Amino acid sequence: MSLAEAVRRIRIAQGRTQAQIGKRAGLATSYVSRIENGRIQPTTTTLNKLAAALGVSLSEIFAIPSSDPEPGHRCPVSSSGQCIGGLIREGVQDPPNQSIHYNEEELHLLRMADFLIHNGDPGVRKALKTMLDTLMAQTPQKS
């Protein structure tokens, strides 16, 4: 399930409209729609606003429900149309027209996480998930 699908699934499960969530998050309804349709990838700040408006943690937005009919994620696509995971593994820091720029340390962290996700045994992935869930819960929510 993609991030867009997760936001939409949570909103619909709560019986809320895009307009209601947009108003609570301080976002235009059209912006919420573009996020839910996968046309744009929200920033961390916007994700924090959406999570607060939905009354859930960031970790819940990233979670995959056990009832997901399509297990596994499709690769998120960058503005250049390439798989972000592929870009990370290839070492491409900033694809054309992309506003997010990773420094060397950030790229290293992404590569390590990507490696552990794809090559770690289930125990390693579970430990990584637990650690990330804990860190996400401790990260202050910016308004």
C-alpha atoms as a PDB file:
ATOM      1  CA  MET A   1       0.000   0.000   0.000  1.00  0.00           C
ATOM      2  CA  SER A   2       1.355   3.399  -0.935  1.00  0.00           C
ATOM      3  CA  LEU A   3       1.486   6.425   1.344  1.00  0.00           C
ATOM      4  CA  ALA A   4      -1.326   7.979  -0.721  1.00  0.00           C
ATOM      5  CA  GLU A   5      -3.515   4.901  -0.246  1.00  0.00           C
ATOM      6  CA  ALA A   6      -2.755   4.825   3.493  1.00  0.00           C
ATOM      7  CA  VAL A   7      -3.828   8.442   3.997  1.00  0.00           C
ATOM      8  CA  ARG A   8      -7.005   7.851   1.996  1.00  0.00           C
ATOM      9  CA  ARG A   9      -7.770   4.582   3.845  1.00  0.00           C
ATOM     10  CA  ILE A  10      -7.408   6.234   7.274  1.00  0.00           C
ATOM     11  CA  ARG A  11      -9.516   9.257   6.260  1.00  0.00           C
ATOM     12  CA  ILE A  12     -12.308   7.123   4.816  1.00  0.00           C
ATOM     13  CA  ALA A  13     -12.275   4.775   7.832  1.00  0.00           C
ATOM     14  CA  GLN A  14     -12.884   7.844   9.996  1.00  0.00           C
ATOM     15  CA  GLY A  15     -15.746   8.983   7.764  1.00  0.00           C
ATOM     16  CA  ARG A  16     -14.087  12.306   7.033  1.00  0.00           C
ATOM     17  CA  THR A  17     -13.881  14.267   3.794  1.00  0.00           C
ATOM     18  CA  GLN A  18     -10.767  15.676   2.149  1.00  0.00           C
ATOM     19  CA  ALA A  19     -12.125  19.155   2.934  1.00  0.00           C
ATOM     20  CA  GLN A  20     -12.418  18.332   6.646  1.00  0.00           C
ATOM     21  CA  ILE A  21      -8.899  16.923   6.831  1.00  0.00           C
ATOM     22  CA  GLY A  22      -7.521  19.819   4.780  1.00  0.00           C
ATOM     23  CA  LYS A  23      -9.116  22.366   7.090  1.00  0.00           C
ATOM     24  CA  ARG A  24      -7.810  20.619  10.223  1.00  0.00           C
ATOM     25  CA  ALA A  25      -4.318  20.339   8.693  1.00  0.00           C
ATOM     26  CA  GLY A  26      -4.284  23.854   7.262  1.00  0.00           C
ATOM     27  CA  LEU A  27      -4.058  22.485   3.708  1.00  0.00           C
ATOM     28  CA  ALA A  28      -6.150  23.152   0.624  1.00  0.00           C
ATOM     29  CA  THR A  29      -8.637  20.413  -0.245  1.00  0.00           C
ATOM     30  CA  SER A  30      -7.022  20.160  -3.697  1.00  0.00           C
ATOM     31  CA  TYR A  31      -3.629  19.557  -2.050  1.00  0.00           C
ATOM     32  CA  VAL A  32      -5.044  16.714   0.069  1.00  0.00           C
ATOM     33  CA  SER A  33      -6.588  15.284  -3.106  1.00  0.00           C
ATOM     34  CA  ARG A  34      -3.244  15.383  -4.942  1.00  0.00           C
ATOM     35  CA  ILE A  35      -1.581  13.599  -2.016  1.00  0.00           C
ATOM     36  CA  GLU A  36      -4.268  10.901  -1.945  1.00  0.00           C
ATOM     37  CA  ASN A  37      -4.074  10.438  -5.708  1.00  0.00           C
ATOM     38  CA  GLY A  38      -0.301  10.012  -5.534  1.00  0.00           C
ATOM     39  CA  ARG A  39       0.377  13.051  -7.698  1.00  0.00           C
ATOM     40  CA  ILE A  40       2.658  14.587  -5.094  1.00  0.00           C
ATOM     41  CA  GLN A  41       4.732  13.222  -2.233  1.00  0.00           C
ATOM     42  CA  PRO A  42       4.129  15.232   0.958  1.00  0.00           C
ATOM     43  CA  THR A  43       7.016  16.600   2.982  1.00  0.00           C
ATOM     44  CA  THR A  44       7.594  15.449   6.545  1.00  0.00           C
ATOM     45  CA  THR A  45       6.027  18.694   7.772  1.00  0.00           C
ATOM     46  CA  THR A  46       2.911  18.051   5.689  1.00  0.00           C
ATOM     47  CA  LEU A  47       2.791  14.421   6.855  1.00  0.00           C
ATOM     48  CA  ASN A  48       2.934  15.645  10.455  1.00  0.00           C
ATOM     49  CA  LYS A  49       0.007  17.992   9.736  1.00  0.00           C
ATOM     50  CA  LEU A  50      -1.986  15.185   8.094  1.00  0.00           C
ATOM     51  CA  ALA A  51      -1.259  12.792  10.960  1.00  0.00           C
ATOM     52  CA  ALA A  52      -2.417  15.385  13.491  1.00  0.00           C
ATOM     53  CA  ALA A  53      -5.549  16.138  11.461  1.00  0.00           C
ATOM     54  CA  LEU A  54      -6.312  12.410  11.239  1.00  0.00           C
ATOM     55  CA  GLY A  55      -5.509  11.875  14.924  1.00  0.00           C
ATOM     56  CA  VAL A  56      -2.915   9.180  14.205  1.00  0.00           C
ATOM     57  CA  SER A  57       0.847   8.818  14.533  1.00  0.00           C
ATOM     58  CA  LEU A  58       3.201   8.956  11.570  1.00  0.00           C
ATOM     59  CA  SER A  59       3.991   5.326  12.261  1.00  0.00           C
ATOM     60  CA  GLU A  60       0.316   4.456  11.688  1.00  0.00           C
ATOM     61  CA  ILE A  61       0.376   6.179   8.293  1.00  0.00           C
ATOM     62  CA  PHE A  62       3.410   4.134   7.263  1.00  0.00           C
ATOM     63  CA  ALA A  63       1.962   0.859   8.611  1.00  0.00           C
ATOM     64  CA  ILE A  64       0.661  -1.779   6.219  1.00  0.00           C
ATOM     65  CA  PRO A  65      -2.616  -3.296   7.415  1.00  0.00           C
ATOM     66  CA  SER A  66      -2.644  -7.079   7.645  1.00  0.00           C
ATOM     67  CA  SER A  67      -5.727  -7.006   5.431  1.00  0.00           C
ATOM     68  CA  ASP A  68      -3.791  -5.371   2.565  1.00  0.00           C
ATOM     69  CA  PRO A  69      -4.857  -7.310  -0.555  1.00  0.00           C
ATOM     70  CA  GLU A  70      -1.588  -6.431  -2.307  1.00  0.00           C
ATOM     71  CA  PRO A  71       1.223  -7.167   0.148  1.00  0.00           C
ATOM     72  CA  GLY A  72       4.419  -5.305  -0.543  1.00  0.00           C
ATOM     73  CA  HIS A  73       4.890  -1.768  -1.749  1.00  0.00           C
ATOM     74  CA  ARG A  74       5.255  -0.500  -5.239  1.00  0.00           C
ATOM     75  CA  CYS A  75       8.341   1.615  -5.494  1.00  0.00           C
ATOM     76  CA  PRO A  76       7.668   5.306  -4.795  1.00  0.00           C
ATOM     77  CA  VAL A  77       8.514   7.336  -7.878  1.00  0.00           C
ATOM     78  CA  SER A  78      10.632  10.471  -7.885  1.00  0.00           C
ATOM     79  CA  SER A  79       9.801  13.570  -9.891  1.00  0.00           C
ATOM     80  CA  SER A  80      12.171  12.240 -12.555  1.00  0.00           C
ATOM     81  CA  GLY A  81       9.952   9.146 -12.894  1.00  0.00           C
ATOM     82  CA  GLN A  82      12.521   6.758 -11.422  1.00  0.00           C
ATOM     83  CA  CYS A  83      12.108   4.374  -8.501  1.00  0.00           C
ATOM     84  CA  ILE A  84      13.393   6.138  -5.373  1.00  0.00           C
ATOM     85  CA  GLY A  85      14.693   2.828  -3.976  1.00  0.00           C
ATOM     86  CA  GLY A  86      16.660   2.298  -7.178  1.00  0.00           C
ATOM     87  CA  LEU A  87      18.073   5.800  -6.973  1.00  0.00           C
ATOM     88  CA  ILE A  88      19.181   5.184  -3.391  1.00  0.00           C
ATOM     89  CA  ARG A  89      20.847   1.871  -4.293  1.00  0.00           C
ATOM     90  CA  GLU A  90      22.552   3.467  -7.309  1.00  0.00           C
ATOM     91  CA  GLY A  91      23.779   6.419  -5.259  1.00  0.00           C
ATOM     92  CA  VAL A  92      21.954   9.171  -7.143  1.00  0.00           C
ATOM     93  CA  GLN A  93      21.530  11.949  -4.624  1.00  0.00           C
ATOM     94  CA  ASP A  94      19.248  14.444  -6.295  1.00  0.00           C
ATOM     95  CA  PRO A  95      17.300  13.532  -9.404  1.00  0.00           C
ATOM     96  CA  PRO A  96      16.403  16.361 -11.788  1.00  0.00           C
ATOM     97  CA  ASN A  97      13.740  18.788 -10.531  1.00  0.00           C
ATOM     98  CA  GLN A  98      13.659  17.172  -7.083  1.00  0.00           C
ATOM     99  CA  SER A  99      13.526  19.622  -4.185  1.00  0.00           C
ATOM    100  CA  ILE A 100      14.782  17.139  -1.573  1.00  0.00           C
ATOM    101  CA  HIS A 101      18.551  16.862  -1.384  1.00  0.00           C
ATOM    102  CA  TYR A 102      20.244  14.214   0.739  1.00  0.00           C
ATOM    103  CA  ASN A 103      23.688  14.878   2.144  1.00  0.00           C
ATOM    104  CA  GLU A 104      26.247  12.085   2.255  1.00  0.00           C
ATOM    105  CA  GLU A 105      25.313  10.954   5.768  1.00  0.00           C
ATOM    106  CA  GLU A 106      21.567  10.912   4.999  1.00  0.00           C
ATOM    107  CA  LEU A 107      22.141   8.943   1.820  1.00  0.00           C
ATOM    108  CA  HIS A 108      24.275   6.476   3.770  1.00  0.00           C
ATOM    109  CA  LEU A 109      21.471   5.992   6.320  1.00  0.00           C
ATOM    110  CA  LEU A 110      18.944   5.430   3.533  1.00  0.00           C
ATOM    111  CA  ARG A 111      21.212   2.883   1.873  1.00  0.00           C
ATOM    112  CA  MET A 112      21.756   1.002   5.137  1.00  0.00           C
ATOM    113  CA  ALA A 113      18.028   0.902   5.865  1.00  0.00           C
ATOM    114  CA  ASP A 114      17.342  -0.201   2.286  1.00  0.00           C
ATOM    115  CA  PHE A 115      19.936  -2.962   2.587  1.00  0.00           C
ATOM    116  CA  LEU A 116      18.533  -4.233   5.887  1.00  0.00           C
ATOM    117  CA  ILE A 117      14.986  -4.173   4.539  1.00  0.00           C
ATOM    118  CA  HIS A 118      15.908  -6.185   1.458  1.00  0.00           C
ATOM    119  CA  ASN A 119      18.619  -8.452   2.883  1.00  0.00           C
ATOM    120  CA  GLY A 120      17.990  -8.743   6.609  1.00  0.00           C
ATOM    121  CA  ASP A 121      16.323 -11.777   8.071  1.00  0.00           C
ATOM    122  CA  PRO A 122      12.877 -11.303   9.648  1.00  0.00           C
ATOM    123  CA  GLY A 123      14.449 -10.686  13.081  1.00  0.00           C
ATOM    124  CA  VAL A 124      16.571  -7.849  11.718  1.00  0.00           C
ATOM    125  CA  ARG A 125      13.566  -6.283   9.957  1.00  0.00           C
ATOM    126  CA  LYS A 126      11.482  -6.593  13.128  1.00  0.00           C
ATOM    127  CA  ALA A 127      14.221  -4.908  15.179  1.00  0.00           C
ATOM    128  CA  LEU A 128      14.547  -2.125  12.584  1.00  0.00           C
ATOM    129  CA  LYS A 129      10.771  -1.594  12.613  1.00  0.00           C
ATOM    130  CA  THR A 130      10.670  -1.492  16.423  1.00  0.00           C
ATOM    131  CA  MET A 131      13.511   1.015  16.525  1.00  0.00           C
ATOM    132  CA  LEU A 132      11.949   3.222  13.845  1.00  0.00           C
ATOM    133  CA  ASP A 133       8.497   3.067  15.494  1.00  0.00           C
ATOM    134  CA  THR A 134      10.095   4.160  18.779  1.00  0.00           C
ATOM    135  CA  LEU A 135      12.001   7.000  17.131  1.00  0.00           C
ATOM    136  CA  MET A 136       8.903   8.152  15.233  1.00  0.00           C
ATOM    137  CA  ALA A 137       6.929   8.202  18.490  1.00  0.00           C
ATOM    138  CA  GLN A 138       9.637  10.321  20.158  1.00  0.00           C
ATOM    139  CA  THR A 139       9.987  12.772  17.257  1.00  0.00           C
ATOM    140  CA  PRO A 140       8.303  16.073  18.137  1.00  0.00           C
ATOM    141  CA  GLN A 141       5.355  16.885  15.905  1.00  0.00           C
ATOM    142  CA  LYS A 142       5.978  20.204  14.153  1.00  0.00           C
ATOM    143  CA  SER A 143       2.981  22.364  13.485  1.00  0.00           C
END
